[in-house]
Amino acid sequence: MKIIVADSTDLVRAGMTGMIRSVPAIWDGSAAIVEAEDLDSLRKALSPKDARIVVVEAAMVEDSLTADLVSYVNHSSGVHWIILAQKVSRLVLLFVKEHPNFSLITKSSSREEICSCLRMAAKNEQLICNECLRQLIRLDDESRNASILTPAECMVLALLAQGLKVKDIAELQCRSKHTIRTHKRDIFSKLGVNTTVEAIMTAYKLGIINPPEQP
């Protein structure tokens, strides 16, 4: 069995290699551990296709998750990938959610959590660390909250948040003022509010629209 540890930092590679050797479920002394310091050396380590576990830094692959590495993943069902992230991007979260042969941990995960992930990877079972699970739950909540309003209502609300009046929005969207007022009334009803300010603040809280960036 070959285990690949791919990370741009020597210390992280050394630490992960040490953890692998401390987990009897995957280390019996016969496994070969191959280190890779960049994407090119990772590609070389992946050929021939004899790896069982690949621990890879998120920053190294997140731009390639929809490119050549996906082809390798799709044709290597026996390989379990562990993405090791410093800061987890939305792309990586959603990718791992849809691919059970990927696990996800962070560089701040506890030793116990990382070792548990390694043991599960040996059985090709997915583990998503607690921190990443919380982020996935937030993404799911945002998605559900956004679906409360129709796309047209979200657009009207976003324009109201920019300070535009009903007349301005109607002219901008080439629609009647009656249509915009109807959208506004439906927004208030769905969000359970009575004023434009309440609607905007509720939408910020629920993640339906994004608040303006602070200067």
N, C-alpha and C. Protein backbone atom coordinates (compact mmCIF):
# COMPACT_ATOMS: atom_id res chain seq x y z
N MET A 1 0.85 -1.20 0.00
CA MET A 1 0.00 0.00 0.00
C MET A 1 0.88 1.24 0.00
N LYS A 2 0.50 2.21 -0.83
CA LYS A 2 1.23 3.48 -0.89
C LYS A 2 0.34 4.58 -0.33
N ILE A 3 0.92 5.39 0.55
CA ILE A 3 0.24 6.54 1.12
C ILE A 3 0.99 7.79 0.69
N ILE A 4 0.28 8.75 0.14
CA ILE A 4 0.91 9.98 -0.33
C ILE A 4 0.54 11.11 0.62
N VAL A 5 1.55 11.88 1.03
CA VAL A 5 1.33 13.06 1.85
C VAL A 5 1.82 14.26 1.04
N ALA A 6 0.89 15.09 0.61
CA ALA A 6 1.23 16.23 -0.24
C ALA A 6 0.90 17.54 0.46
N ASP A 7 1.93 18.30 0.76
CA ASP A 7 1.76 19.60 1.41
C ASP A 7 2.99 20.44 1.11
N SER A 8 2.79 21.73 1.00
CA SER A 8 3.89 22.62 0.64
C SER A 8 4.84 22.90 1.81
N THR A 9 4.43 22.49 3.02
CA THR A 9 5.23 22.78 4.21
C THR A 9 5.91 21.52 4.73
N ASP A 10 7.24 21.59 4.90
CA ASP A 10 7.99 20.43 5.38
C ASP A 10 7.48 19.94 6.73
N LEU A 11 7.19 20.89 7.62
CA LEU A 11 6.77 20.54 8.97
C LEU A 11 5.44 19.79 8.96
N VAL A 12 4.52 20.22 8.12
CA VAL A 12 3.21 19.55 8.03
C VAL A 12 3.38 18.15 7.49
N ARG A 13 4.19 18.00 6.45
CA ARG A 13 4.43 16.67 5.88
C ARG A 13 5.04 15.73 6.92
N ALA A 14 6.02 16.25 7.67
CA ALA A 14 6.67 15.43 8.70
C ALA A 14 5.68 15.05 9.79
N GLY A 15 4.87 16.02 10.22
CA GLY A 15 3.89 15.74 11.27
C GLY A 15 2.86 14.72 10.84
N MET A 16 2.36 14.84 9.61
CA MET A 16 1.37 13.90 9.11
C MET A 16 1.98 12.51 8.93
N THR A 17 3.20 12.45 8.45
CA THR A 17 3.87 11.16 8.30
C THR A 17 4.01 10.48 9.65
N GLY A 18 4.37 11.26 10.68
CA GLY A 18 4.47 10.71 12.03
C GLY A 18 3.15 10.17 12.54
N MET A 19 2.06 10.89 12.27
CA MET A 19 0.73 10.43 12.69
C MET A 19 0.35 9.14 11.98
N ILE A 20 0.64 9.05 10.69
CA ILE A 20 0.32 7.84 9.94
C ILE A 20 1.02 6.64 10.55
N ARG A 21 2.27 6.82 10.92
CA ARG A 21 3.04 5.71 11.50
C ARG A 21 2.57 5.34 12.91
N SER A 22 1.76 6.21 13.52
CA SER A 22 1.26 5.92 14.86
C SER A 22 -0.13 5.25 14.85
N VAL A 23 -0.69 5.06 13.65
CA VAL A 23 -2.02 4.46 13.54
C VAL A 23 -1.89 3.03 13.03
N PRO A 24 -2.01 2.04 13.91
CA PRO A 24 -1.83 0.64 13.51
C PRO A 24 -2.76 0.20 12.39
N ALA A 25 -3.94 0.81 12.30
CA ALA A 25 -4.91 0.39 11.28
C ALA A 25 -4.39 0.58 9.87
N ILE A 26 -3.46 1.53 9.69
CA ILE A 26 -2.94 1.76 8.35
C ILE A 26 -1.42 1.60 8.26
N TRP A 27 -0.76 1.44 9.39
CA TRP A 27 0.71 1.35 9.35
C TRP A 27 1.18 0.06 10.02
N ASP A 28 1.71 -0.84 9.20
CA ASP A 28 2.27 -2.07 9.75
C ASP A 28 3.75 -2.21 9.40
N GLY A 29 4.31 -1.10 8.91
CA GLY A 29 5.72 -1.12 8.55
C GLY A 29 5.96 -1.43 7.09
N SER A 30 4.95 -1.96 6.42
CA SER A 30 5.15 -2.35 5.02
C SER A 30 4.66 -1.28 4.05
N ALA A 31 3.84 -0.35 4.53
CA ALA A 31 3.31 0.69 3.64
C ALA A 31 4.42 1.67 3.24
N ALA A 32 4.34 2.14 2.03
CA ALA A 32 5.30 3.14 1.54
C ALA A 32 4.65 4.51 1.65
N ILE A 33 5.35 5.42 2.33
CA ILE A 33 4.86 6.79 2.45
C ILE A 33 5.68 7.67 1.51
N VAL A 34 4.97 8.32 0.58
CA VAL A 34 5.63 9.18 -0.40
C VAL A 34 5.21 10.62 -0.14
N GLU A 35 6.18 11.51 -0.03
CA GLU A 35 5.88 12.92 0.21
C GLU A 35 5.94 13.71 -1.10
N ALA A 36 5.04 14.70 -1.20
CA ALA A 36 5.02 15.58 -2.37
C ALA A 36 4.91 17.01 -1.87
N GLU A 37 5.71 17.89 -2.46
CA GLU A 37 5.76 19.27 -1.97
C GLU A 37 4.99 20.25 -2.85
N ASP A 38 4.56 19.81 -4.02
CA ASP A 38 3.79 20.68 -4.91
C ASP A 38 2.91 19.82 -5.81
N LEU A 39 2.13 20.47 -6.66
CA LEU A 39 1.17 19.74 -7.49
C LEU A 39 1.87 18.85 -8.50
N ASP A 40 2.99 19.30 -9.05
CA ASP A 40 3.72 18.48 -10.02
C ASP A 40 4.23 17.19 -9.38
N SER A 41 4.81 17.32 -8.18
CA SER A 41 5.32 16.11 -7.53
C SER A 41 4.19 15.21 -7.07
N LEU A 42 3.01 15.79 -6.78
CA LEU A 42 1.85 14.98 -6.45
C LEU A 42 1.41 14.17 -7.66
N ARG A 43 1.37 14.81 -8.82
CA ARG A 43 0.98 14.09 -10.04
C ARG A 43 1.94 12.92 -10.30
N LYS A 44 3.22 13.15 -10.09
CA LYS A 44 4.20 12.07 -10.30
C LYS A 44 3.99 10.94 -9.30
N ALA A 45 3.68 11.30 -8.06
CA ALA A 45 3.46 10.28 -7.03
C ALA A 45 2.20 9.46 -7.31
N LEU A 46 1.25 10.06 -8.00
CA LEU A 46 0.00 9.37 -8.32
C LEU A 46 0.15 8.37 -9.47
N SER A 47 1.28 8.37 -10.11
CA SER A 47 1.52 7.44 -11.20
C SER A 47 2.76 6.59 -10.88
N PRO A 48 2.64 5.26 -10.85
CA PRO A 48 1.48 4.45 -11.21
C PRO A 48 0.35 4.57 -10.17
N LYS A 49 -0.83 4.13 -10.57
CA LYS A 49 -2.02 4.32 -9.74
C LYS A 49 -2.10 3.22 -8.67
N ASP A 50 -1.21 3.32 -7.69
CA ASP A 50 -1.19 2.29 -6.64
C ASP A 50 -1.39 2.88 -5.25
N ALA A 51 -1.80 4.15 -5.17
CA ALA A 51 -2.00 4.77 -3.85
C ALA A 51 -3.33 4.31 -3.26
N ARG A 52 -3.34 4.13 -1.94
CA ARG A 52 -4.58 3.79 -1.24
C ARG A 52 -5.15 5.00 -0.51
N ILE A 53 -4.24 5.84 0.04
CA ILE A 53 -4.65 7.03 0.77
C ILE A 53 -3.80 8.20 0.28
N VAL A 54 -4.45 9.32 0.00
CA VAL A 54 -3.73 10.54 -0.39
C VAL A 54 -4.15 11.65 0.55
N VAL A 55 -3.21 12.15 1.34
CA VAL A 55 -3.45 13.32 2.19
C VAL A 55 -2.90 14.52 1.44
N VAL A 56 -3.76 15.48 1.13
CA VAL A 56 -3.32 16.57 0.27
C VAL A 56 -3.80 17.91 0.81
N GLU A 57 -2.91 18.88 0.76
CA GLU A 57 -3.22 20.25 1.17
C GLU A 57 -4.28 20.85 0.26
N ALA A 58 -5.31 21.45 0.85
CA ALA A 58 -6.42 21.99 0.06
C ALA A 58 -5.94 23.00 -0.97
N ALA A 59 -5.03 23.88 -0.57
CA ALA A 59 -4.56 24.92 -1.49
C ALA A 59 -3.87 24.34 -2.71
N MET A 60 -3.39 23.10 -2.59
CA MET A 60 -2.67 22.48 -3.69
C MET A 60 -3.61 21.98 -4.78
N VAL A 61 -4.83 21.64 -4.41
CA VAL A 61 -5.72 20.99 -5.39
C VAL A 61 -7.02 21.73 -5.66
N GLU A 62 -7.37 22.73 -4.87
CA GLU A 62 -8.71 23.31 -5.03
C GLU A 62 -8.92 23.93 -6.40
N ASP A 63 -7.86 24.39 -7.06
CA ASP A 63 -8.01 24.92 -8.41
C ASP A 63 -8.06 23.81 -9.46
N SER A 64 -7.75 22.57 -9.05
CA SER A 64 -7.72 21.45 -9.99
C SER A 64 -8.81 20.43 -9.73
N LEU A 65 -9.69 20.72 -8.74
CA LEU A 65 -10.73 19.75 -8.41
C LEU A 65 -11.67 19.51 -9.58
N THR A 66 -11.76 20.46 -10.49
CA THR A 66 -12.63 20.28 -11.64
C THR A 66 -11.81 20.04 -12.91
N ALA A 67 -10.53 19.73 -12.74
CA ALA A 67 -9.68 19.52 -13.91
C ALA A 67 -9.12 18.11 -13.94
N ASP A 68 -7.80 17.98 -14.12
CA ASP A 68 -7.22 16.66 -14.36
C ASP A 68 -7.32 15.72 -13.16
N LEU A 69 -7.32 16.27 -11.93
CA LEU A 69 -7.39 15.38 -10.77
C LEU A 69 -8.74 14.68 -10.68
N VAL A 70 -9.79 15.32 -11.17
CA VAL A 70 -11.10 14.68 -11.14
C VAL A 70 -11.10 13.42 -11.98
N SER A 71 -10.42 13.47 -13.10
CA SER A 71 -10.31 12.28 -13.95
C SER A 71 -9.62 11.15 -13.20
N TYR A 72 -8.55 11.49 -12.46
CA TYR A 72 -7.86 10.46 -11.67
C TYR A 72 -8.80 9.91 -10.60
N VAL A 73 -9.50 10.79 -9.91
CA VAL A 73 -10.42 10.36 -8.85
C VAL A 73 -11.48 9.43 -9.40
N ASN A 74 -12.06 9.78 -10.53
CA ASN A 74 -13.15 8.99 -11.11
C ASN A 74 -12.70 7.61 -11.56
N HIS A 75 -11.42 7.46 -11.84
CA HIS A 75 -10.92 6.17 -12.30
C HIS A 75 -10.10 5.45 -11.22
N SER A 76 -10.19 5.92 -9.99
CA SER A 76 -9.43 5.31 -8.89
C SER A 76 -10.33 5.20 -7.67
N SER A 77 -11.35 4.36 -7.79
CA SER A 77 -12.35 4.28 -6.72
C SER A 77 -11.79 3.72 -5.42
N GLY A 78 -10.67 3.00 -5.49
CA GLY A 78 -10.10 2.43 -4.28
C GLY A 78 -9.25 3.39 -3.48
N VAL A 79 -9.06 4.60 -3.98
CA VAL A 79 -8.23 5.59 -3.29
C VAL A 79 -9.12 6.48 -2.42
N HIS A 80 -8.67 6.70 -1.19
CA HIS A 80 -9.38 7.65 -0.33
C HIS A 80 -8.52 8.88 -0.16
N TRP A 81 -9.13 10.04 -0.43
CA TRP A 81 -8.43 11.31 -0.35
C TRP A 81 -8.79 12.02 0.96
N ILE A 82 -7.79 12.56 1.61
CA ILE A 82 -8.00 13.39 2.80
C ILE A 82 -7.51 14.79 2.46
N ILE A 83 -8.42 15.74 2.39
CA ILE A 83 -8.03 17.13 2.13
C ILE A 83 -7.72 17.80 3.47
N LEU A 84 -6.54 18.38 3.53
CA LEU A 84 -6.07 19.06 4.74
C LEU A 84 -6.07 20.55 4.46
N ALA A 85 -6.95 21.28 5.13
CA ALA A 85 -7.17 22.69 4.78
C ALA A 85 -6.73 23.62 5.90
N GLN A 86 -6.15 24.75 5.51
CA GLN A 86 -5.88 25.83 6.45
C GLN A 86 -7.16 26.65 6.63
N LYS A 87 -7.74 27.05 5.50
CA LYS A 87 -9.02 27.74 5.47
C LYS A 87 -9.86 27.06 4.39
N VAL A 88 -11.02 26.54 4.78
CA VAL A 88 -11.82 25.73 3.87
C VAL A 88 -12.67 26.63 2.97
N SER A 89 -12.52 26.45 1.67
CA SER A 89 -13.31 27.24 0.72
C SER A 89 -14.66 26.58 0.48
N ARG A 90 -15.59 27.37 -0.03
CA ARG A 90 -16.92 26.85 -0.36
C ARG A 90 -16.81 25.73 -1.40
N LEU A 91 -15.91 25.91 -2.39
CA LEU A 91 -15.72 24.91 -3.43
C LEU A 91 -15.34 23.56 -2.84
N VAL A 92 -14.36 23.57 -1.93
CA VAL A 92 -13.90 22.32 -1.33
C VAL A 92 -15.00 21.68 -0.49
N LEU A 93 -15.72 22.48 0.29
CA LEU A 93 -16.80 21.94 1.11
C LEU A 93 -17.85 21.23 0.26
N LEU A 94 -18.28 21.89 -0.81
CA LEU A 94 -19.32 21.32 -1.65
C LEU A 94 -18.80 20.11 -2.42
N PHE A 95 -17.53 20.14 -2.82
CA PHE A 95 -16.94 19.00 -3.52
C PHE A 95 -16.91 17.77 -2.62
N VAL A 96 -16.42 17.95 -1.40
CA VAL A 96 -16.32 16.82 -0.47
C VAL A 96 -17.71 16.28 -0.11
N LYS A 97 -18.66 17.17 0.02
CA LYS A 97 -20.03 16.75 0.34
C LYS A 97 -20.56 15.78 -0.71
N GLU A 98 -20.17 15.97 -1.97
CA GLU A 98 -20.69 15.15 -3.07
C GLU A 98 -19.81 13.95 -3.39
N HIS A 99 -18.64 13.81 -2.74
CA HIS A 99 -17.72 12.73 -3.06
C HIS A 99 -17.34 11.96 -1.79
N PRO A 100 -17.97 10.80 -1.55
CA PRO A 100 -17.73 10.05 -0.31
C PRO A 100 -16.33 9.47 -0.18
N ASN A 101 -15.56 9.44 -1.27
CA ASN A 101 -14.18 8.96 -1.15
C ASN A 101 -13.21 10.09 -0.80
N PHE A 102 -13.77 11.23 -0.36
CA PHE A 102 -12.97 12.34 0.14
C PHE A 102 -13.34 12.60 1.59
N SER A 103 -12.34 12.81 2.42
CA SER A 103 -12.54 13.28 3.80
C SER A 103 -11.97 14.69 3.89
N LEU A 104 -12.33 15.39 4.96
CA LEU A 104 -11.91 16.78 5.10
C LEU A 104 -11.58 17.09 6.54
N ILE A 105 -10.35 17.53 6.77
CA ILE A 105 -9.92 17.97 8.09
C ILE A 105 -9.17 19.30 7.92
N THR A 106 -8.96 19.98 9.03
CA THR A 106 -8.21 21.24 8.97
C THR A 106 -6.87 21.07 9.68
N LYS A 107 -5.99 22.01 9.44
CA LYS A 107 -4.69 21.95 10.07
C LYS A 107 -4.77 22.26 11.56
N SER A 108 -5.94 22.73 12.01
CA SER A 108 -6.15 22.96 13.44
C SER A 108 -6.93 21.81 14.09
N SER A 109 -7.28 20.78 13.31
CA SER A 109 -7.98 19.62 13.89
C SER A 109 -7.11 18.95 14.95
N SER A 110 -7.75 18.37 15.94
CA SER A 110 -7.00 17.69 17.01
C SER A 110 -6.32 16.44 16.47
N ARG A 111 -5.28 16.00 17.17
CA ARG A 111 -4.59 14.77 16.78
C ARG A 111 -5.56 13.60 16.75
N GLU A 112 -6.45 13.55 17.74
CA GLU A 112 -7.42 12.46 17.81
C GLU A 112 -8.32 12.45 16.58
N GLU A 113 -8.76 13.63 16.15
CA GLU A 113 -9.65 13.72 14.99
C GLU A 113 -8.90 13.31 13.72
N ILE A 114 -7.65 13.73 13.59
CA ILE A 114 -6.86 13.37 12.41
C ILE A 114 -6.61 11.86 12.37
N CYS A 115 -6.29 11.28 13.52
CA CYS A 115 -6.05 9.83 13.56
C CYS A 115 -7.33 9.06 13.25
N SER A 116 -8.46 9.55 13.74
CA SER A 116 -9.75 8.92 13.42
C SER A 116 -10.00 8.97 11.92
N CYS A 117 -9.67 10.12 11.31
CA CYS A 117 -9.84 10.28 9.87
C CYS A 117 -8.96 9.28 9.11
N LEU A 118 -7.73 9.08 9.56
CA LEU A 118 -6.83 8.13 8.92
C LEU A 118 -7.36 6.70 9.03
N ARG A 119 -7.87 6.35 10.21
CA ARG A 119 -8.43 5.00 10.39
C ARG A 119 -9.62 4.77 9.46
N MET A 120 -10.48 5.77 9.33
CA MET A 120 -11.64 5.64 8.46
C MET A 120 -11.23 5.61 6.99
N ALA A 121 -10.21 6.38 6.65
CA ALA A 121 -9.72 6.39 5.27
C ALA A 121 -9.21 5.02 4.86
N ALA A 122 -8.62 4.29 5.80
CA ALA A 122 -8.12 2.94 5.51
C ALA A 122 -9.26 2.02 5.10
N LYS A 123 -10.48 2.34 5.55
CA LYS A 123 -11.67 1.55 5.19
C LYS A 123 -12.47 2.24 4.09
N ASN A 124 -11.87 3.29 3.50
CA ASN A 124 -12.51 4.09 2.46
C ASN A 124 -13.85 4.67 2.94
N GLU A 125 -13.85 5.14 4.19
CA GLU A 125 -15.03 5.77 4.77
C GLU A 125 -14.75 7.25 5.02
N GLN A 126 -15.73 8.07 4.78
CA GLN A 126 -15.56 9.51 4.86
C GLN A 126 -15.65 10.04 6.28
N LEU A 127 -14.79 10.98 6.61
CA LEU A 127 -14.90 11.76 7.84
C LEU A 127 -14.74 13.23 7.49
N ILE A 128 -15.67 14.04 7.95
CA ILE A 128 -15.58 15.49 7.83
C ILE A 128 -15.46 16.04 9.24
N CYS A 129 -14.40 16.78 9.51
CA CYS A 129 -14.13 17.25 10.87
C CYS A 129 -15.25 18.16 11.37
N ASN A 130 -15.33 18.31 12.67
CA ASN A 130 -16.42 19.07 13.28
C ASN A 130 -16.49 20.51 12.77
N GLU A 131 -15.33 21.15 12.63
CA GLU A 131 -15.31 22.54 12.16
C GLU A 131 -15.90 22.65 10.76
N CYS A 132 -15.55 21.71 9.88
CA CYS A 132 -16.05 21.74 8.51
C CYS A 132 -17.53 21.35 8.45
N LEU A 133 -17.96 20.46 9.33
CA LEU A 133 -19.38 20.11 9.39
C LEU A 133 -20.21 21.33 9.75
N ARG A 134 -19.70 22.13 10.70
CA ARG A 134 -20.43 23.35 11.08
C ARG A 134 -20.54 24.30 9.90
N GLN A 135 -19.48 24.39 9.09
CA GLN A 135 -19.52 25.27 7.92
C GLN A 135 -20.50 24.73 6.88
N LEU A 136 -20.57 23.42 6.72
CA LEU A 136 -21.52 22.82 5.79
C LEU A 136 -22.96 23.08 6.22
N ILE A 137 -23.20 22.99 7.53
CA ILE A 137 -24.53 23.26 8.06
C ILE A 137 -24.93 24.70 7.77
N ARG A 138 -23.96 25.64 7.94
CA ARG A 138 -24.24 27.04 7.64
C ARG A 138 -24.57 27.24 6.16
N LEU A 139 -23.83 26.53 5.29
CA LEU A 139 -24.10 26.64 3.85
C LEU A 139 -25.50 26.11 3.53
N ASP A 140 -25.86 25.00 4.16
CA ASP A 140 -27.20 24.43 3.93
C ASP A 140 -28.27 25.40 4.42
N ASP A 141 -28.02 26.02 5.58
CA ASP A 141 -28.99 26.98 6.13
C ASP A 141 -29.14 28.17 5.19
N GLU A 142 -28.02 28.68 4.68
CA GLU A 142 -28.06 29.82 3.76
C GLU A 142 -28.84 29.46 2.50
N SER A 143 -28.62 28.22 2.02
CA SER A 143 -29.30 27.80 0.81
C SER A 143 -30.81 27.71 1.03
N ARG A 144 -31.21 27.16 2.18
CA ARG A 144 -32.64 27.07 2.50
C ARG A 144 -33.25 28.45 2.68
N ASN A 145 -32.49 29.33 3.38
CA ASN A 145 -33.02 30.68 3.62
C ASN A 145 -33.17 31.46 2.32
N ALA A 146 -32.20 31.29 1.43
CA ALA A 146 -32.26 32.02 0.16
C ALA A 146 -33.48 31.59 -0.65
N SER A 147 -33.88 30.31 -0.49
CA SER A 147 -35.01 29.82 -1.27
C SER A 147 -36.35 30.33 -0.73
N ILE A 148 -36.33 31.02 0.41
CA ILE A 148 -37.57 31.62 0.93
C ILE A 148 -38.13 32.60 -0.08
N LEU A 149 -37.26 33.38 -0.71
CA LEU A 149 -37.67 34.39 -1.67
C LEU A 149 -37.37 33.92 -3.09
N THR A 150 -38.14 34.36 -4.02
CA THR A 150 -37.87 34.07 -5.43
C THR A 150 -36.68 34.91 -5.88
N PRO A 151 -36.03 34.53 -7.00
CA PRO A 151 -34.92 35.34 -7.51
C PRO A 151 -35.32 36.80 -7.75
N ALA A 152 -36.54 37.00 -8.25
CA ALA A 152 -37.00 38.38 -8.51
C ALA A 152 -37.13 39.16 -7.21
N GLU A 153 -37.64 38.49 -6.15
CA GLU A 153 -37.78 39.15 -4.86
C GLU A 153 -36.42 39.45 -4.24
N CYS A 154 -35.48 38.52 -4.41
CA CYS A 154 -34.12 38.76 -3.90
C CYS A 154 -33.50 39.97 -4.57
N MET A 155 -33.71 40.11 -5.87
CA MET A 155 -33.16 41.25 -6.60
C MET A 155 -33.78 42.55 -6.12
N VAL A 156 -35.10 42.57 -5.94
CA VAL A 156 -35.77 43.77 -5.45
C VAL A 156 -35.26 44.13 -4.06
N LEU A 157 -35.10 43.13 -3.21
CA LEU A 157 -34.63 43.38 -1.85
C LEU A 157 -33.20 43.91 -1.86
N ALA A 158 -32.37 43.36 -2.73
CA ALA A 158 -30.98 43.84 -2.83
C ALA A 158 -30.95 45.30 -3.28
N LEU A 159 -31.83 45.66 -4.18
CA LEU A 159 -31.88 47.05 -4.65
C LEU A 159 -32.44 47.98 -3.58
N LEU A 160 -33.41 47.49 -2.82
CA LEU A 160 -33.92 48.27 -1.69
C LEU A 160 -32.80 48.51 -0.68
N ALA A 161 -31.97 47.50 -0.47
CA ALA A 161 -30.86 47.62 0.48
C ALA A 161 -29.83 48.65 0.01
N GLN A 162 -29.79 48.90 -1.30
CA GLN A 162 -28.87 49.90 -1.84
C GLN A 162 -29.46 51.31 -1.76
N GLY A 163 -30.69 51.40 -1.24
CA GLY A 163 -31.31 52.71 -1.06
C GLY A 163 -32.25 53.13 -2.18
N LEU A 164 -32.49 52.25 -3.16
CA LEU A 164 -33.38 52.61 -4.25
C LEU A 164 -34.84 52.56 -3.80
N LYS A 165 -35.66 53.43 -4.38
CA LYS A 165 -37.09 53.47 -4.10
C LYS A 165 -37.83 52.59 -5.11
N VAL A 166 -39.11 52.35 -4.82
CA VAL A 166 -39.92 51.52 -5.71
C VAL A 166 -39.90 52.06 -7.14
N LYS A 167 -40.05 53.37 -7.28
CA LYS A 167 -40.04 53.98 -8.61
C LYS A 167 -38.72 53.73 -9.32
N ASP A 168 -37.61 53.89 -8.58
CA ASP A 168 -36.29 53.69 -9.18
C ASP A 168 -36.12 52.24 -9.66
N ILE A 169 -36.55 51.29 -8.82
CA ILE A 169 -36.40 49.87 -9.16
C ILE A 169 -37.26 49.53 -10.38
N ALA A 170 -38.47 50.07 -10.42
CA ALA A 170 -39.36 49.82 -11.56
C ALA A 170 -38.72 50.32 -12.86
N GLU A 171 -38.14 51.51 -12.82
CA GLU A 171 -37.49 52.06 -14.02
C GLU A 171 -36.27 51.23 -14.39
N LEU A 172 -35.49 50.84 -13.39
CA LEU A 172 -34.27 50.07 -13.64
C LEU A 172 -34.59 48.71 -14.27
N GLN A 173 -35.66 48.08 -13.80
CA GLN A 173 -36.01 46.74 -14.28
C GLN A 173 -37.05 46.76 -15.41
N CYS A 174 -37.44 47.95 -15.82
CA CYS A 174 -38.45 48.10 -16.88
C CYS A 174 -39.73 47.35 -16.51
N ARG A 175 -40.15 47.54 -15.27
CA ARG A 175 -41.38 46.93 -14.78
C ARG A 175 -42.27 48.02 -14.19
N SER A 176 -43.52 47.66 -13.96
CA SER A 176 -44.44 48.65 -13.38
C SER A 176 -44.18 48.79 -11.89
N LYS A 177 -44.56 49.96 -11.38
CA LYS A 177 -44.45 50.16 -9.93
C LYS A 177 -45.34 49.17 -9.17
N HIS A 178 -46.47 48.82 -9.77
CA HIS A 178 -47.37 47.85 -9.13
C HIS A 178 -46.65 46.50 -8.92
N THR A 179 -45.89 46.06 -9.92
CA THR A 179 -45.16 44.79 -9.81
C THR A 179 -44.13 44.84 -8.69
N ILE A 180 -43.40 45.94 -8.61
CA ILE A 180 -42.37 46.08 -7.58
C ILE A 180 -43.02 46.15 -6.20
N ARG A 181 -44.13 46.86 -6.09
CA ARG A 181 -44.84 46.92 -4.80
C ARG A 181 -45.34 45.53 -4.38
N THR A 182 -45.78 44.75 -5.36
CA THR A 182 -46.24 43.38 -5.06
C THR A 182 -45.08 42.54 -4.54
N HIS A 183 -43.93 42.65 -5.20
CA HIS A 183 -42.73 41.93 -4.72
C HIS A 183 -42.39 42.37 -3.29
N LYS A 184 -42.45 43.67 -3.06
CA LYS A 184 -42.11 44.19 -1.75
C LYS A 184 -43.08 43.68 -0.69
N ARG A 185 -44.36 43.66 -1.01
CA ARG A 185 -45.36 43.15 -0.07
C ARG A 185 -45.12 41.66 0.24
N ASP A 186 -44.81 40.89 -0.81
CA ASP A 186 -44.56 39.46 -0.62
C ASP A 186 -43.29 39.22 0.20
N ILE A 187 -42.28 40.07 0.00
CA ILE A 187 -41.04 39.97 0.80
C ILE A 187 -41.35 40.17 2.28
N PHE A 188 -42.11 41.23 2.57
CA PHE A 188 -42.48 41.50 3.96
C PHE A 188 -43.22 40.31 4.57
N SER A 189 -44.15 39.75 3.80
CA SER A 189 -44.97 38.64 4.30
C SER A 189 -44.11 37.41 4.59
N LYS A 190 -43.23 37.07 3.64
CA LYS A 190 -42.40 35.87 3.80
C LYS A 190 -41.40 36.01 4.94
N LEU A 191 -40.88 37.21 5.14
CA LEU A 191 -39.89 37.42 6.20
C LEU A 191 -40.53 37.79 7.54
N GLY A 192 -41.83 38.03 7.54
CA GLY A 192 -42.54 38.37 8.77
C GLY A 192 -42.15 39.72 9.33
N VAL A 193 -42.01 40.71 8.44
CA VAL A 193 -41.60 42.05 8.86
C VAL A 193 -42.61 43.07 8.35
N ASN A 194 -42.45 44.31 8.83
CA ASN A 194 -43.41 45.37 8.47
C ASN A 194 -42.77 46.56 7.76
N THR A 195 -41.44 46.65 7.80
CA THR A 195 -40.78 47.80 7.20
C THR A 195 -39.62 47.34 6.32
N THR A 196 -39.19 48.24 5.45
CA THR A 196 -38.07 47.94 4.57
C THR A 196 -36.79 47.69 5.37
N VAL A 197 -36.57 48.50 6.39
CA VAL A 197 -35.37 48.33 7.22
C VAL A 197 -35.36 46.96 7.88
N GLU A 198 -36.51 46.54 8.42
CA GLU A 198 -36.60 45.21 9.05
C GLU A 198 -36.34 44.11 8.02
N ALA A 199 -36.86 44.29 6.82
CA ALA A 199 -36.66 43.29 5.77
C ALA A 199 -35.18 43.16 5.42
N ILE A 200 -34.51 44.30 5.30
CA ILE A 200 -33.09 44.30 4.95
C ILE A 200 -32.26 43.65 6.05
N MET A 201 -32.51 44.02 7.30
CA MET A 201 -31.74 43.47 8.42
C MET A 201 -31.99 41.97 8.57
N THR A 202 -33.23 41.54 8.36
CA THR A 202 -33.55 40.11 8.44
C THR A 202 -32.84 39.35 7.32
N ALA A 203 -32.83 39.94 6.13
CA ALA A 203 -32.17 39.30 4.99
C ALA A 203 -30.67 39.18 5.22
N TYR A 204 -30.05 40.20 5.83
CA TYR A 204 -28.63 40.12 6.18
C TYR A 204 -28.39 38.96 7.16
N LYS A 205 -29.25 38.88 8.16
CA LYS A 205 -29.10 37.86 9.21
C LYS A 205 -29.23 36.45 8.65
N LEU A 206 -30.16 36.27 7.71
CA LEU A 206 -30.42 34.95 7.14
C LEU A 206 -29.48 34.62 5.99
N GLY A 207 -28.68 35.59 5.56
CA GLY A 207 -27.75 35.34 4.46
C GLY A 207 -28.41 35.37 3.09
N ILE A 208 -29.61 35.94 3.01
CA ILE A 208 -30.31 36.03 1.72
C ILE A 208 -29.62 37.04 0.82
N ILE A 209 -29.21 38.16 1.37
CA ILE A 209 -28.37 39.13 0.66
C ILE A 209 -27.19 39.45 1.55
N ASN A 210 -26.11 39.90 0.93
CA ASN A 210 -24.90 40.19 1.69
C ASN A 210 -24.88 41.66 2.13
N PRO A 211 -24.47 41.90 3.36
CA PRO A 211 -24.36 43.30 3.82
C PRO A 211 -23.24 44.00 3.07
N PRO A 212 -23.28 45.32 2.99
CA PRO A 212 -22.21 46.04 2.29
C PRO A 212 -20.88 45.87 3.03
N GLU A 213 -19.80 45.82 2.25
CA GLU A 213 -18.48 45.69 2.85
C GLU A 213 -18.11 46.96 3.60
N GLN A 214 -17.45 46.77 4.74
CA GLN A 214 -17.03 47.93 5.52
C GLN A 214 -15.78 48.54 4.88
N PRO A 215 -15.69 49.85 4.82
CA PRO A 215 -14.52 50.49 4.21
C PRO A 215 -13.28 50.25 5.07
